[in-house]
Amino acid sequence: MWFTIVGEICDIETIALGRAVRVRLRLRKLYGGVRWRKLKGLAKVRLPNGTRCLAEVHWYESHGIGRKEFKIKRFVKA
């Protein structure tokens, strides 16, 4: 991950669940787990140059495995 999440993630929503997660076979092969979900939420992030900003973050999550593969989708004006 090229950025660091500072604080908690809020306004969490589920985007896809189960078979709707397109990369579920790759996730299962890499990390294990059975039921993968794709989620999104808002979080304060610290970029490599030191600036902090609010961003919409997407990630995958499975029970017993945890949160994997975070990515910033867009920056939100605060």
C-alpha atoms as a PDB file:
ATOM      1  CA  MET A   1       0.000   0.000   0.000  1.00  0.00           C
ATOM      2  CA  TRP A   2       1.562   3.299  -1.035  1.00  0.00           C
ATOM      3  CA  PHE A   3      -0.459   5.318   1.509  1.00  0.00           C
ATOM      4  CA  THR A   4      -1.200   5.029   5.235  1.00  0.00           C
ATOM      5  CA  ILE A   5      -4.680   5.119   6.761  1.00  0.00           C
ATOM      6  CA  VAL A   6      -4.794   7.495   9.721  1.00  0.00           C
ATOM      7  CA  GLY A   7      -7.652   6.901  12.156  1.00  0.00           C
ATOM      8  CA  GLU A   8     -10.817   4.939  11.515  1.00  0.00           C
ATOM      9  CA  ILE A   9     -12.739   4.259   8.326  1.00  0.00           C
ATOM     10  CA  CYS A  10     -16.278   5.682   8.442  1.00  0.00           C
ATOM     11  CA  ASP A  11     -19.399   5.476   6.240  1.00  0.00           C
ATOM     12  CA  ILE A  12     -18.633   1.875   5.296  1.00  0.00           C
ATOM     13  CA  GLU A  13     -20.806   0.396   2.526  1.00  0.00           C
ATOM     14  CA  THR A  14     -20.794  -2.998   0.841  1.00  0.00           C
ATOM     15  CA  ILE A  15     -20.292  -2.805  -2.922  1.00  0.00           C
ATOM     16  CA  ALA A  16     -20.271  -6.502  -3.840  1.00  0.00           C
ATOM     17  CA  LEU A  17     -20.839  -9.759  -1.986  1.00  0.00           C
ATOM     18  CA  GLY A  18     -20.075 -13.398  -2.817  1.00  0.00           C
ATOM     19  CA  ARG A  19     -20.211 -14.188  -6.538  1.00  0.00           C
ATOM     20  CA  ALA A  20     -20.540 -10.488  -7.412  1.00  0.00           C
ATOM     21  CA  VAL A  21     -16.885  -9.956  -6.414  1.00  0.00           C
ATOM     22  CA  ARG A  22     -15.170 -10.348  -9.779  1.00  0.00           C
ATOM     23  CA  VAL A  23     -11.718 -11.234  -8.438  1.00  0.00           C
ATOM     24  CA  ARG A  24     -12.889 -13.716  -5.796  1.00  0.00           C
ATOM     25  CA  LEU A  25     -11.007 -16.648  -7.329  1.00  0.00           C
ATOM     26  CA  ARG A  26      -7.724 -14.704  -7.239  1.00  0.00           C
ATOM     27  CA  LEU A  27      -8.399 -13.606  -3.651  1.00  0.00           C
ATOM     28  CA  ARG A  28      -9.207 -17.171  -2.611  1.00  0.00           C
ATOM     29  CA  LYS A  29      -6.005 -18.443  -4.226  1.00  0.00           C
ATOM     30  CA  LEU A  30      -3.817 -15.746  -2.599  1.00  0.00           C
ATOM     31  CA  TYR A  31      -5.316 -15.439   0.888  1.00  0.00           C
ATOM     32  CA  GLY A  32      -7.808 -18.287   1.348  1.00  0.00           C
ATOM     33  CA  GLY A  33     -11.225 -17.528   2.757  1.00  0.00           C
ATOM     34  CA  VAL A  34     -14.590 -18.403   1.310  1.00  0.00           C
ATOM     35  CA  ARG A  35     -16.963 -15.450   1.315  1.00  0.00           C
ATOM     36  CA  TRP A  36     -15.310 -12.288   0.038  1.00  0.00           C
ATOM     37  CA  ARG A  37     -16.878  -8.816   0.134  1.00  0.00           C
ATOM     38  CA  LYS A  38     -15.840  -5.594  -1.572  1.00  0.00           C
ATOM     39  CA  LEU A  39     -16.359  -2.545   0.638  1.00  0.00           C
ATOM     40  CA  LYS A  40     -15.869   1.203   0.482  1.00  0.00           C
ATOM     41  CA  GLY A  41     -15.591   3.925   3.083  1.00  0.00           C
ATOM     42  CA  LEU A  42     -14.133   7.329   3.902  1.00  0.00           C
ATOM     43  CA  ALA A  43     -10.797   7.600   5.682  1.00  0.00           C
ATOM     44  CA  LYS A  44      -8.079  10.135   6.368  1.00  0.00           C
ATOM     45  CA  VAL A  45      -4.950   9.027   4.553  1.00  0.00           C
ATOM     46  CA  ARG A  46      -1.324  10.140   4.687  1.00  0.00           C
ATOM     47  CA  LEU A  47       0.402  10.223   1.308  1.00  0.00           C
ATOM     48  CA  PRO A  48       4.138   9.554   0.778  1.00  0.00           C
ATOM     49  CA  ASN A  49       4.887  13.298   0.598  1.00  0.00           C
ATOM     50  CA  GLY A  50       3.370  13.766   4.086  1.00  0.00           C
ATOM     51  CA  THR A  51       0.079  15.437   3.185  1.00  0.00           C
ATOM     52  CA  ARG A  52      -3.086  14.226   4.862  1.00  0.00           C
ATOM     53  CA  CYS A  53      -6.434  14.259   3.107  1.00  0.00           C
ATOM     54  CA  LEU A  54      -9.853  12.619   3.115  1.00  0.00           C
ATOM     55  CA  ALA A  55     -10.261   9.873   0.535  1.00  0.00           C
ATOM     56  CA  GLU A  56     -12.740   7.241  -0.575  1.00  0.00           C
ATOM     57  CA  VAL A  57     -11.026   3.917   0.028  1.00  0.00           C
ATOM     58  CA  HIS A  58     -12.021   0.511  -1.424  1.00  0.00           C
ATOM     59  CA  TRP A  59     -10.868  -2.886  -0.116  1.00  0.00           C
ATOM     60  CA  TYR A  60     -11.717  -6.594   0.034  1.00  0.00           C
ATOM     61  CA  GLU A  61     -12.606  -8.399   3.252  1.00  0.00           C
ATOM     62  CA  SER A  62     -13.309 -11.972   4.322  1.00  0.00           C
ATOM     63  CA  HIS A  63     -14.178 -13.466   7.702  1.00  0.00           C
ATOM     64  CA  GLY A  64     -11.060 -14.800   9.417  1.00  0.00           C
ATOM     65  CA  ILE A  65      -8.759 -13.211   6.818  1.00  0.00           C
ATOM     66  CA  GLY A  66      -9.371  -9.509   7.407  1.00  0.00           C
ATOM     67  CA  ARG A  67      -9.045  -6.482   5.148  1.00  0.00           C
ATOM     68  CA  LYS A  68      -6.842  -6.809   2.074  1.00  0.00           C
ATOM     69  CA  GLU A  69      -5.785  -4.741  -0.947  1.00  0.00           C
ATOM     70  CA  PHE A  70      -6.724  -1.176  -0.054  1.00  0.00           C
ATOM     71  CA  LYS A  71      -6.906   1.382  -2.848  1.00  0.00           C
ATOM     72  CA  ILE A  72      -7.819   5.048  -3.085  1.00  0.00           C
ATOM     73  CA  LYS A  73     -10.618   5.663  -5.559  1.00  0.00           C
ATOM     74  CA  ARG A  74     -10.930   9.431  -5.192  1.00  0.00           C
ATOM     75  CA  PHE A  75     -10.063  12.312  -2.913  1.00  0.00           C
ATOM     76  CA  VAL A  76     -12.962  14.024  -1.134  1.00  0.00           C
ATOM     77  CA  LYS A  77     -13.068  17.728  -0.382  1.00  0.00           C
ATOM     78  CA  ALA A  78     -13.495  18.221   3.348  1.00  0.00           C
END
